[in-house]
Every structure is written in structure tokens, then in C-alpha cells.
């Protein structure tokens, strides 16, 4: 693992420039943000559909989104082995996904206004799931296929919606659990190999790695299985941080590189 493949310019852009851009939008006058940045369900515009995904009105909303952004972009750059995949996927997440998230929000979220960076951050989390899969396959040289990605995603969904659907839709829960069991079976060889490799690496760690590698892997596991915590609908002062937007961003971040690379469109 390492960030040596990334230039200083790249690190400055993703760790400093983008957060500063979002902070500057937060500092704009409320009247300006209300007019052009915050997405209004009654009067949406192309500009607000894009900029609302980078806009915050509450300090803690801003800080939580930036914190998760910095954690996830760090992990992606730490584990990513394909720069072309990185740049193409991030271009989609930063430039195209905002319009898709806003359109879905207008159509399905019962809130007056919408703003926040969390949809794009969720997209980065979805992308990190794909990055982790490629790392297991390309760096650790384990025989992982896309069923492993589906297993990770299904686990997230099962944990995230299982409790709700268990009491409201037994058929959906049964189908989801059956799919989970099938995916476990398809990965019956990979999973023990993965556990064995991690156990071996754990025994080989020197004391200074306890300070460096353990926190990284802990953060990676949190991000990989964070989707259930993105299931929230919070409406406050007419603004919304919505589960649908999170899911849309997450699926875009996961599905886009999955389709492009696994189908050999983008190598």
C-alpha cells in the first residue's frame, strides 16, 4: 500500500483544492445559495441540480461530509492500481452523478429543498468497494471474480434494509437472504483464502505497522460496510439528506468502473 504513485499535484488537488472549493461554497451568502445553489423541488434549474451536490448550509453537515470524503479518497488513492479507472470514475461522480442524484431526488424525495456532498461521497464509497475487489485480485493475487463484489454489496443491503423489510416484506427479505447464501457458496474458496491471508499478514506485522497498517485496514473495513449507515432521511429546515440520493451515488460509484473494466471497455 502507498501513495507514491500519486504526484504532489494530484494529492494537493484531491486533498486540498476540492475541500476548499466546497468550503468556499459554504461561506457564500445564504441569499446567493438560496437563489442558485440549493435545489428547490418547486423551481429546479440545471445550475442548482449540479451545485446543490456541493452546497452546505450547516457547519456540522459540511464537516461530516468533508471528513468522510477525505477518508474515502485517501483509501481509494491508497489501494487503487488503475489511474485511468480512477480519473474516469471520479469525472463521472463529480460531473455527471450530481444531475442523476438531483433528478432522482426531485422525483422521489418528499422534501422542499436538497443540498449536500453526501451523494458524491457515497459514490466514492461505492467506488472503493470496486477498488478493494481489484486489490484483492490484482495485488493479493486471489481468485476473486465479480461475485465477490456482489457479495460485499449484498451484505451491505441485507444489513441495511433487512431489519425494516423483515417486519414489512418477508418475501423481499427471503429473496435477499437466498441471494446472500448463493454468493457465499460462489465464494466458498475465496473467503477462507482471504481470511488465511489476512491472518498471515497479521502475524507478520512488525510493531511500527501497528501504527500504520492497522488503522488503514480498519478504515477500509468501515468504508466497505458503511452503506447501512447511509440509509437515513433527515429533513431539517426544508433541506434533506436522503437515502435515495446515497444509494444512487453508491451504485453509480460501484457500477460504473465495474461495467467499464470487467467488460474490457476500460483497461
C-alpha atoms as a PDB file:
ATOM      1  CA  UNK A   1       0.000   0.000   0.000  1.00  0.00           C
ATOM      2  CA  UNK A   2       1.141   3.525  -0.605  1.00  0.00           C
ATOM      3  CA  UNK A   3       0.532   6.907  -2.160  1.00  0.00           C
ATOM      4  CA  UNK A   4       3.834   7.022  -4.056  1.00  0.00           C
ATOM      5  CA  UNK A   5       2.125   6.536  -7.422  1.00  0.00           C
ATOM      6  CA  UNK A   6       0.345   9.874  -6.998  1.00  0.00           C
ATOM      7  CA  UNK A   7       2.117  13.152  -7.726  1.00  0.00           C
ATOM      8  CA  UNK A   8       2.159  16.103  -5.342  1.00  0.00           C
ATOM      9  CA  UNK A   9      -0.144  17.973  -7.732  1.00  0.00           C
ATOM     10  CA  UNK A  10      -2.687  15.153  -7.617  1.00  0.00           C
ATOM     11  CA  UNK A  11      -2.570  14.994  -3.826  1.00  0.00           C
ATOM     12  CA  UNK A  12      -2.966  18.753  -3.493  1.00  0.00           C
ATOM     13  CA  UNK A  13      -5.954  18.745  -5.859  1.00  0.00           C
ATOM     14  CA  UNK A  14      -7.898  15.949  -4.168  1.00  0.00           C
ATOM     15  CA  UNK A  15      -6.938  16.642  -0.544  1.00  0.00           C
ATOM     16  CA  UNK A  16      -6.867  20.448  -0.566  1.00  0.00           C
ATOM     17  CA  UNK A  17      -8.420  22.043  -3.666  1.00  0.00           C
ATOM     18  CA  UNK A  18     -11.698  20.107  -3.661  1.00  0.00           C
ATOM     19  CA  UNK A  19     -12.328  20.592   0.102  1.00  0.00           C
ATOM     20  CA  UNK A  20     -11.517  24.304  -0.256  1.00  0.00           C
ATOM     21  CA  UNK A  21     -13.980  24.572  -3.161  1.00  0.00           C
ATOM     22  CA  UNK A  22     -16.739  23.058  -1.007  1.00  0.00           C
ATOM     23  CA  UNK A  23     -15.829  25.258   1.978  1.00  0.00           C
ATOM     24  CA  UNK A  24     -15.934  28.380  -0.216  1.00  0.00           C
ATOM     25  CA  UNK A  25     -19.440  27.472  -1.368  1.00  0.00           C
ATOM     26  CA  UNK A  26     -20.464  27.031   2.273  1.00  0.00           C
ATOM     27  CA  UNK A  27     -19.163  30.529   3.065  1.00  0.00           C
ATOM     28  CA  UNK A  28     -21.231  32.184   0.337  1.00  0.00           C
ATOM     29  CA  UNK A  29     -24.153  34.394   1.462  1.00  0.00           C
ATOM     30  CA  UNK A  30     -27.334  32.457   2.159  1.00  0.00           C
ATOM     31  CA  UNK A  31     -29.285  34.599  -0.294  1.00  0.00           C
ATOM     32  CA  UNK A  32     -26.908  33.625  -3.099  1.00  0.00           C
ATOM     33  CA  UNK A  33     -27.063  29.929  -2.210  1.00  0.00           C
ATOM     34  CA  UNK A  34     -30.858  30.026  -1.999  1.00  0.00           C
ATOM     35  CA  UNK A  35     -31.052  31.608  -5.452  1.00  0.00           C
ATOM     36  CA  UNK A  36     -28.561  29.478  -7.394  1.00  0.00           C
ATOM     37  CA  UNK A  37     -27.078  26.622  -5.354  1.00  0.00           C
ATOM     38  CA  UNK A  38     -29.751  24.871  -3.274  1.00  0.00           C
ATOM     39  CA  UNK A  39     -32.029  22.570  -5.237  1.00  0.00           C
ATOM     40  CA  UNK A  40     -35.663  23.605  -4.937  1.00  0.00           C
ATOM     41  CA  UNK A  41     -38.173  20.935  -5.822  1.00  0.00           C
ATOM     42  CA  UNK A  42     -40.637  23.590  -6.987  1.00  0.00           C
ATOM     43  CA  UNK A  43     -38.199  25.520  -9.185  1.00  0.00           C
ATOM     44  CA  UNK A  44     -35.243  23.289 -10.101  1.00  0.00           C
ATOM     45  CA  UNK A  45     -32.607  24.549 -12.518  1.00  0.00           C
ATOM     46  CA  UNK A  46     -29.657  22.963 -14.298  1.00  0.00           C
ATOM     47  CA  UNK A  47     -27.293  25.036 -12.171  1.00  0.00           C
ATOM     48  CA  UNK A  48     -28.901  24.089  -8.847  1.00  0.00           C
ATOM     49  CA  UNK A  49     -29.161  20.408  -9.850  1.00  0.00           C
ATOM     50  CA  UNK A  50     -25.366  20.414 -10.155  1.00  0.00           C
ATOM     51  CA  UNK A  51     -24.227  22.839  -7.447  1.00  0.00           C
ATOM     52  CA  UNK A  52     -26.610  21.581  -4.744  1.00  0.00           C
ATOM     53  CA  UNK A  53     -24.434  18.464  -4.520  1.00  0.00           C
ATOM     54  CA  UNK A  54     -21.541  20.644  -3.333  1.00  0.00           C
ATOM     55  CA  UNK A  55     -23.525  23.003  -1.100  1.00  0.00           C
ATOM     56  CA  UNK A  56     -23.998  23.092   2.686  1.00  0.00           C
ATOM     57  CA  UNK A  57     -25.789  25.471   4.993  1.00  0.00           C
ATOM     58  CA  UNK A  58     -24.983  23.767   8.305  1.00  0.00           C
ATOM     59  CA  UNK A  59     -21.405  23.605   9.647  1.00  0.00           C
ATOM     60  CA  UNK A  60     -21.618  20.065  11.011  1.00  0.00           C
ATOM     61  CA  UNK A  61     -23.196  18.831   7.796  1.00  0.00           C
ATOM     62  CA  UNK A  62     -20.209  20.292   5.948  1.00  0.00           C
ATOM     63  CA  UNK A  63     -17.654  18.854   8.364  1.00  0.00           C
ATOM     64  CA  UNK A  64     -19.116  15.348   8.380  1.00  0.00           C
ATOM     65  CA  UNK A  65     -19.199  15.187   4.583  1.00  0.00           C
ATOM     66  CA  UNK A  66     -15.667  16.549   4.209  1.00  0.00           C
ATOM     67  CA  UNK A  67     -14.354  14.158   6.861  1.00  0.00           C
ATOM     68  CA  UNK A  68     -15.784  11.140   5.105  1.00  0.00           C
ATOM     69  CA  UNK A  69     -14.627  12.483   1.746  1.00  0.00           C
ATOM     70  CA  UNK A  70     -11.031  12.802   2.955  1.00  0.00           C
ATOM     71  CA  UNK A  71     -11.088   9.321   4.495  1.00  0.00           C
ATOM     72  CA  UNK A  72     -12.525   7.654   1.401  1.00  0.00           C
ATOM     73  CA  UNK A  73     -10.389   9.487  -1.169  1.00  0.00           C
ATOM     74  CA  UNK A  74      -7.335   8.590   0.921  1.00  0.00           C
ATOM     75  CA  UNK A  75      -8.289   4.908   0.896  1.00  0.00           C
ATOM     76  CA  UNK A  76      -9.042   4.946  -2.829  1.00  0.00           C
ATOM     77  CA  UNK A  77      -5.687   6.505  -3.644  1.00  0.00           C
ATOM     78  CA  UNK A  78      -4.000   4.118  -1.220  1.00  0.00           C
ATOM     79  CA  UNK A  79      -5.388   0.971  -2.846  1.00  0.00           C
ATOM     80  CA  UNK A  80      -6.162   1.963  -6.450  1.00  0.00           C
ATOM     81  CA  UNK A  81      -3.866   0.384  -9.040  1.00  0.00           C
ATOM     82  CA  UNK A  82      -5.504   1.791 -12.190  1.00  0.00           C
ATOM     83  CA  UNK A  83      -5.199   5.561 -12.628  1.00  0.00           C
ATOM     84  CA  UNK A  84      -7.332   5.583 -15.772  1.00  0.00           C
ATOM     85  CA  UNK A  85     -10.190   3.932 -13.896  1.00  0.00           C
ATOM     86  CA  UNK A  86      -9.709   6.444 -11.070  1.00  0.00           C
ATOM     87  CA  UNK A  87      -9.918   9.544 -13.242  1.00  0.00           C
ATOM     88  CA  UNK A  88     -12.768   8.362 -15.448  1.00  0.00           C
ATOM     89  CA  UNK A  89     -14.850   7.232 -12.455  1.00  0.00           C
ATOM     90  CA  UNK A  90     -14.219  10.426 -10.493  1.00  0.00           C
ATOM     91  CA  UNK A  91     -15.096  12.510 -13.548  1.00  0.00           C
ATOM     92  CA  UNK A  92     -18.447  10.715 -13.686  1.00  0.00           C
ATOM     93  CA  UNK A  93     -19.013  11.099  -9.933  1.00  0.00           C
ATOM     94  CA  UNK A  94     -18.097  14.797  -9.829  1.00  0.00           C
ATOM     95  CA  UNK A  95     -19.629  15.945 -13.120  1.00  0.00           C
ATOM     96  CA  UNK A  96     -22.471  13.603 -14.106  1.00  0.00           C
ATOM     97  CA  UNK A  97     -23.669  11.924 -10.911  1.00  0.00           C
ATOM     98  CA  UNK A  98     -24.890  15.260  -9.389  1.00  0.00           C
ATOM     99  CA  UNK A  99     -27.515  15.593 -12.130  1.00  0.00           C
ATOM    100  CA  UNK A 100     -28.675  11.977 -11.700  1.00  0.00           C
ATOM    101  CA  UNK A 101     -28.852  12.300  -7.911  1.00  0.00           C
ATOM    102  CA  UNK A 102     -30.772  15.584  -8.179  1.00  0.00           C
ATOM    103  CA  UNK A 103     -33.207  14.191 -10.744  1.00  0.00           C
ATOM    104  CA  UNK A 104     -33.970  11.177  -8.530  1.00  0.00           C
ATOM    105  CA  UNK A 105     -34.286  13.488  -5.519  1.00  0.00           C
ATOM    106  CA  UNK A 106     -36.814  15.697  -7.306  1.00  0.00           C
ATOM    107  CA  UNK A 107     -38.805  12.660  -8.417  1.00  0.00           C
ATOM    108  CA  UNK A 108     -38.846  10.596  -5.225  1.00  0.00           C
ATOM    109  CA  UNK A 109     -37.779  12.578  -2.136  1.00  0.00           C
ATOM    110  CA  UNK A 110     -40.595  14.446  -0.341  1.00  0.00           C
ATOM    111  CA  UNK A 111     -38.598  17.481   0.702  1.00  0.00           C
ATOM    112  CA  UNK A 112     -38.769  21.092  -0.384  1.00  0.00           C
ATOM    113  CA  UNK A 113     -35.032  21.667  -0.830  1.00  0.00           C
ATOM    114  CA  UNK A 114     -31.960  19.491  -1.171  1.00  0.00           C
ATOM    115  CA  UNK A 115     -28.253  20.091  -0.697  1.00  0.00           C
ATOM    116  CA  UNK A 116     -25.125  18.274   0.425  1.00  0.00           C
ATOM    117  CA  UNK A 117     -21.983  16.465  -0.746  1.00  0.00           C
ATOM    118  CA  UNK A 118     -23.037  13.110   0.720  1.00  0.00           C
ATOM    119  CA  UNK A 119     -24.397  11.693  -2.545  1.00  0.00           C
ATOM    120  CA  UNK A 120     -20.997  12.063  -4.187  1.00  0.00           C
ATOM    121  CA  UNK A 121     -19.218  10.784  -1.061  1.00  0.00           C
ATOM    122  CA  UNK A 122     -21.499   7.727  -1.174  1.00  0.00           C
ATOM    123  CA  UNK A 123     -20.431   7.309  -4.802  1.00  0.00           C
ATOM    124  CA  UNK A 124     -16.791   7.306  -3.710  1.00  0.00           C
ATOM    125  CA  UNK A 125     -17.635   4.653  -1.116  1.00  0.00           C
ATOM    126  CA  UNK A 126     -19.194   2.525  -3.834  1.00  0.00           C
ATOM    127  CA  UNK A 127     -16.108   3.034  -5.974  1.00  0.00           C
ATOM    128  CA  UNK A 128     -13.886   1.988  -3.071  1.00  0.00           C
ATOM    129  CA  UNK A 129     -15.716  -1.331  -2.924  1.00  0.00           C
ATOM    130  CA  UNK A 130     -14.644  -1.953  -6.509  1.00  0.00           C
ATOM    131  CA  UNK A 131     -11.082  -0.759  -5.748  1.00  0.00           C
ATOM    132  CA  UNK A 132     -10.892  -3.205  -2.821  1.00  0.00           C
ATOM    133  CA  UNK A 133     -12.026  -6.045  -5.081  1.00  0.00           C
ATOM    134  CA  UNK A 134      -9.360  -5.208  -7.671  1.00  0.00           C
ATOM    135  CA  UNK A 135      -6.725  -5.004  -4.931  1.00  0.00           C
ATOM    136  CA  UNK A 136      -7.632  -8.471  -3.687  1.00  0.00           C
ATOM    137  CA  UNK A 137      -7.495  -9.772  -7.254  1.00  0.00           C
ATOM    138  CA  UNK A 138      -4.516  -7.906  -8.725  1.00  0.00           C
ATOM    139  CA  UNK A 139      -2.215  -7.297  -5.740  1.00  0.00           C
ATOM    140  CA  UNK A 140      -3.006 -10.167  -3.404  1.00  0.00           C
ATOM    141  CA  UNK A 141      -3.455 -12.481  -6.424  1.00  0.00           C
ATOM    142  CA  UNK A 142      -6.511 -14.247  -5.037  1.00  0.00           C
ATOM    143  CA  UNK A 143      -9.029 -15.750  -7.457  1.00  0.00           C
ATOM    144  CA  UNK A 144     -11.773 -13.199  -6.917  1.00  0.00           C
ATOM    145  CA  UNK A 145     -14.459 -12.530  -9.503  1.00  0.00           C
ATOM    146  CA  UNK A 146     -17.360 -10.105  -9.626  1.00  0.00           C
ATOM    147  CA  UNK A 147     -19.460 -12.416  -7.444  1.00  0.00           C
ATOM    148  CA  UNK A 148     -17.212 -11.203  -4.606  1.00  0.00           C
ATOM    149  CA  UNK A 149     -18.282  -7.611  -5.320  1.00  0.00           C
ATOM    150  CA  UNK A 150     -21.920  -8.713  -5.365  1.00  0.00           C
ATOM    151  CA  UNK A 151     -21.386 -10.455  -2.024  1.00  0.00           C
ATOM    152  CA  UNK A 152     -19.994  -7.292  -0.443  1.00  0.00           C
ATOM    153  CA  UNK A 153     -22.855  -5.224  -1.819  1.00  0.00           C
ATOM    154  CA  UNK A 154     -25.494  -7.798  -0.856  1.00  0.00           C
ATOM    155  CA  UNK A 155     -24.104  -7.895   2.679  1.00  0.00           C
ATOM    156  CA  UNK A 156     -24.464  -4.117   2.908  1.00  0.00           C
ATOM    157  CA  UNK A 157     -28.011  -4.196   1.591  1.00  0.00           C
ATOM    158  CA  UNK A 158     -29.025  -7.136   3.785  1.00  0.00           C
ATOM    159  CA  UNK A 159     -27.763  -5.416   6.916  1.00  0.00           C
ATOM    160  CA  UNK A 160     -29.106  -2.053   5.848  1.00  0.00           C
ATOM    161  CA  UNK A 161     -32.652  -2.935   4.853  1.00  0.00           C
ATOM    162  CA  UNK A 162     -33.062  -6.377   6.401  1.00  0.00           C
ATOM    163  CA  UNK A 163     -34.395  -5.094   9.710  1.00  0.00           C
ATOM    164  CA  UNK A 164     -37.015  -2.945   8.018  1.00  0.00           C
ATOM    165  CA  UNK A 165     -38.091  -5.464   5.415  1.00  0.00           C
ATOM    166  CA  UNK A 166     -38.018  -8.333   7.894  1.00  0.00           C
ATOM    167  CA  UNK A 167     -41.081  -6.840   9.528  1.00  0.00           C
ATOM    168  CA  UNK A 168     -42.646  -5.319   6.406  1.00  0.00           C
ATOM    169  CA  UNK A 169     -41.814  -7.601   3.471  1.00  0.00           C
ATOM    170  CA  UNK A 170     -40.848 -11.173   4.285  1.00  0.00           C
ATOM    171  CA  UNK A 171     -40.676 -12.159   0.611  1.00  0.00           C
ATOM    172  CA  UNK A 172     -38.093  -9.471  -0.179  1.00  0.00           C
ATOM    173  CA  UNK A 173     -36.019 -10.422   2.859  1.00  0.00           C
ATOM    174  CA  UNK A 174     -36.173 -14.133   1.952  1.00  0.00           C
ATOM    175  CA  UNK A 175     -35.063 -13.454  -1.624  1.00  0.00           C
ATOM    176  CA  UNK A 176     -32.231 -11.193  -0.448  1.00  0.00           C
ATOM    177  CA  UNK A 177     -31.060 -13.768   2.096  1.00  0.00           C
ATOM    178  CA  UNK A 178     -31.217 -16.555  -0.511  1.00  0.00           C
ATOM    179  CA  UNK A 179     -29.067 -14.435  -2.829  1.00  0.00           C
ATOM    180  CA  UNK A 180     -26.629 -13.859   0.022  1.00  0.00           C
ATOM    181  CA  UNK A 181     -26.333 -17.621   0.626  1.00  0.00           C
ATOM    182  CA  UNK A 182     -25.739 -18.258  -3.081  1.00  0.00           C
ATOM    183  CA  UNK A 183     -22.993 -15.628  -3.168  1.00  0.00           C
ATOM    184  CA  UNK A 184     -21.379 -17.151  -0.079  1.00  0.00           C
ATOM    185  CA  UNK A 185     -21.364 -20.500  -1.898  1.00  0.00           C
ATOM    186  CA  UNK A 186     -19.844 -18.967  -5.047  1.00  0.00           C
ATOM    187  CA  UNK A 187     -17.060 -17.502  -2.899  1.00  0.00           C
ATOM    188  CA  UNK A 188     -16.574 -20.600  -0.730  1.00  0.00           C
ATOM    189  CA  UNK A 189     -12.958 -20.979  -1.888  1.00  0.00           C
ATOM    190  CA  UNK A 190     -12.025 -17.300  -1.899  1.00  0.00           C
ATOM    191  CA  UNK A 191     -13.301 -16.428   1.590  1.00  0.00           C
ATOM    192  CA  UNK A 192     -11.132 -18.949   3.520  1.00  0.00           C
ATOM    193  CA  UNK A 193      -8.134 -17.901   1.396  1.00  0.00           C
ATOM    194  CA  UNK A 194      -8.807 -14.264   2.210  1.00  0.00           C
ATOM    195  CA  UNK A 195      -9.128 -14.982   5.946  1.00  0.00           C
ATOM    196  CA  UNK A 196      -5.931 -17.053   5.854  1.00  0.00           C
ATOM    197  CA  UNK A 197      -4.012 -14.324   4.028  1.00  0.00           C
ATOM    198  CA  UNK A 198      -5.168 -11.636   6.465  1.00  0.00           C
ATOM    199  CA  UNK A 199      -4.302 -13.864   9.415  1.00  0.00           C
ATOM    200  CA  UNK A 200      -0.836 -14.486   7.984  1.00  0.00           C
ATOM    201  CA  UNK A 201      -0.280 -10.775   7.393  1.00  0.00           C
ATOM    202  CA  UNK A 202      -1.388 -10.084  10.952  1.00  0.00           C
ATOM    203  CA  UNK A 203       1.256 -12.448  12.357  1.00  0.00           C
ATOM    204  CA  UNK A 204       3.972 -10.929  10.183  1.00  0.00           C
ATOM    205  CA  UNK A 205       3.296  -7.325  11.207  1.00  0.00           C
ATOM    206  CA  UNK A 206       6.098  -5.543  12.976  1.00  0.00           C
ATOM    207  CA  UNK A 207       5.368  -3.123  15.787  1.00  0.00           C
ATOM    208  CA  UNK A 208       5.548   0.023  13.621  1.00  0.00           C
ATOM    209  CA  UNK A 209       2.949  -1.435  11.252  1.00  0.00           C
ATOM    210  CA  UNK A 210       0.501  -1.496  14.148  1.00  0.00           C
ATOM    211  CA  UNK A 211       0.517   2.291  13.886  1.00  0.00           C
ATOM    212  CA  UNK A 212       0.345   2.483  10.082  1.00  0.00           C
ATOM    213  CA  UNK A 213      -1.381  -0.528   8.517  1.00  0.00           C
ATOM    214  CA  UNK A 214      -3.920  -1.473  11.189  1.00  0.00           C
ATOM    215  CA  UNK A 215      -5.733   1.897  11.141  1.00  0.00           C
ATOM    216  CA  UNK A 216      -5.804   1.836   7.340  1.00  0.00           C
ATOM    217  CA  UNK A 217      -7.346  -1.624   7.233  1.00  0.00           C
ATOM    218  CA  UNK A 218      -9.785  -0.676   9.986  1.00  0.00           C
ATOM    219  CA  UNK A 219     -10.907   2.373   7.998  1.00  0.00           C
ATOM    220  CA  UNK A 220     -11.143   0.250   4.862  1.00  0.00           C
ATOM    221  CA  UNK A 221     -13.469  -2.227   6.590  1.00  0.00           C
ATOM    222  CA  UNK A 222     -15.641   0.595   7.929  1.00  0.00           C
ATOM    223  CA  UNK A 223     -15.984   2.175   4.475  1.00  0.00           C
ATOM    224  CA  UNK A 224     -16.654  -1.192   2.804  1.00  0.00           C
ATOM    225  CA  UNK A 225     -19.598  -1.869   5.101  1.00  0.00           C
ATOM    226  CA  UNK A 226     -20.803   1.682   5.726  1.00  0.00           C
ATOM    227  CA  UNK A 227     -23.735   1.582   3.313  1.00  0.00           C
ATOM    228  CA  UNK A 228     -26.318   0.665   6.007  1.00  0.00           C
ATOM    229  CA  UNK A 229     -25.484   3.863   7.888  1.00  0.00           C
ATOM    230  CA  UNK A 230     -26.153   5.870   4.732  1.00  0.00           C
ATOM    231  CA  UNK A 231     -29.787   4.788   4.937  1.00  0.00           C
ATOM    232  CA  UNK A 232     -31.254   7.856   6.523  1.00  0.00           C
ATOM    233  CA  UNK A 233     -33.782  10.510   5.665  1.00  0.00           C
ATOM    234  CA  UNK A 234     -33.140  13.703   7.575  1.00  0.00           C
ATOM    235  CA  UNK A 235     -35.297  16.731   6.839  1.00  0.00           C
ATOM    236  CA  UNK A 236     -34.395  19.926   8.639  1.00  0.00           C
ATOM    237  CA  UNK A 237     -35.306  23.488   7.722  1.00  0.00           C
ATOM    238  CA  UNK A 238     -36.586  22.337   4.339  1.00  0.00           C
ATOM    239  CA  UNK A 239     -33.306  20.628   3.374  1.00  0.00           C
ATOM    240  CA  UNK A 240     -32.797  16.925   3.028  1.00  0.00           C
ATOM    241  CA  UNK A 241     -30.017  14.374   3.255  1.00  0.00           C
ATOM    242  CA  UNK A 242     -31.701  11.390   1.698  1.00  0.00           C
ATOM    243  CA  UNK A 243     -31.213   7.644   1.497  1.00  0.00           C
ATOM    244  CA  UNK A 244     -32.248   7.531  -2.145  1.00  0.00           C
ATOM    245  CA  UNK A 245     -29.530  10.006  -3.115  1.00  0.00           C
ATOM    246  CA  UNK A 246     -26.997   7.976  -1.170  1.00  0.00           C
ATOM    247  CA  UNK A 247     -27.998   4.748  -2.874  1.00  0.00           C
ATOM    248  CA  UNK A 248     -27.952   6.341  -6.327  1.00  0.00           C
ATOM    249  CA  UNK A 249     -24.466   7.750  -5.747  1.00  0.00           C
ATOM    250  CA  UNK A 250     -23.233   4.491  -4.238  1.00  0.00           C
ATOM    251  CA  UNK A 251     -24.498   2.392  -7.150  1.00  0.00           C
ATOM    252  CA  UNK A 252     -23.007   4.776  -9.725  1.00  0.00           C
ATOM    253  CA  UNK A 253     -19.627   4.669  -7.987  1.00  0.00           C
ATOM    254  CA  UNK A 254     -19.677   0.870  -7.864  1.00  0.00           C
ATOM    255  CA  UNK A 255     -21.347   0.004 -11.161  1.00  0.00           C
ATOM    256  CA  UNK A 256     -19.533   2.415 -13.477  1.00  0.00           C
ATOM    257  CA  UNK A 257     -15.977   1.020 -13.098  1.00  0.00           C
ATOM    258  CA  UNK A 258     -17.377  -2.488 -12.701  1.00  0.00           C
ATOM    259  CA  UNK A 259     -19.026  -2.319 -16.113  1.00  0.00           C
ATOM    260  CA  UNK A 260     -16.197  -0.480 -17.850  1.00  0.00           C
ATOM    261  CA  UNK A 261     -13.313  -2.613 -16.617  1.00  0.00           C
ATOM    262  CA  UNK A 262     -14.928  -6.033 -16.300  1.00  0.00           C
ATOM    263  CA  UNK A 263     -16.292  -5.723 -19.855  1.00  0.00           C
ATOM    264  CA  UNK A 264     -12.829  -4.603 -21.065  1.00  0.00           C
ATOM    265  CA  UNK A 265     -14.135  -1.229 -22.257  1.00  0.00           C
ATOM    266  CA  UNK A 266     -11.634   0.496 -19.975  1.00  0.00           C
ATOM    267  CA  UNK A 267      -8.430  -1.410 -19.197  1.00  0.00           C
END
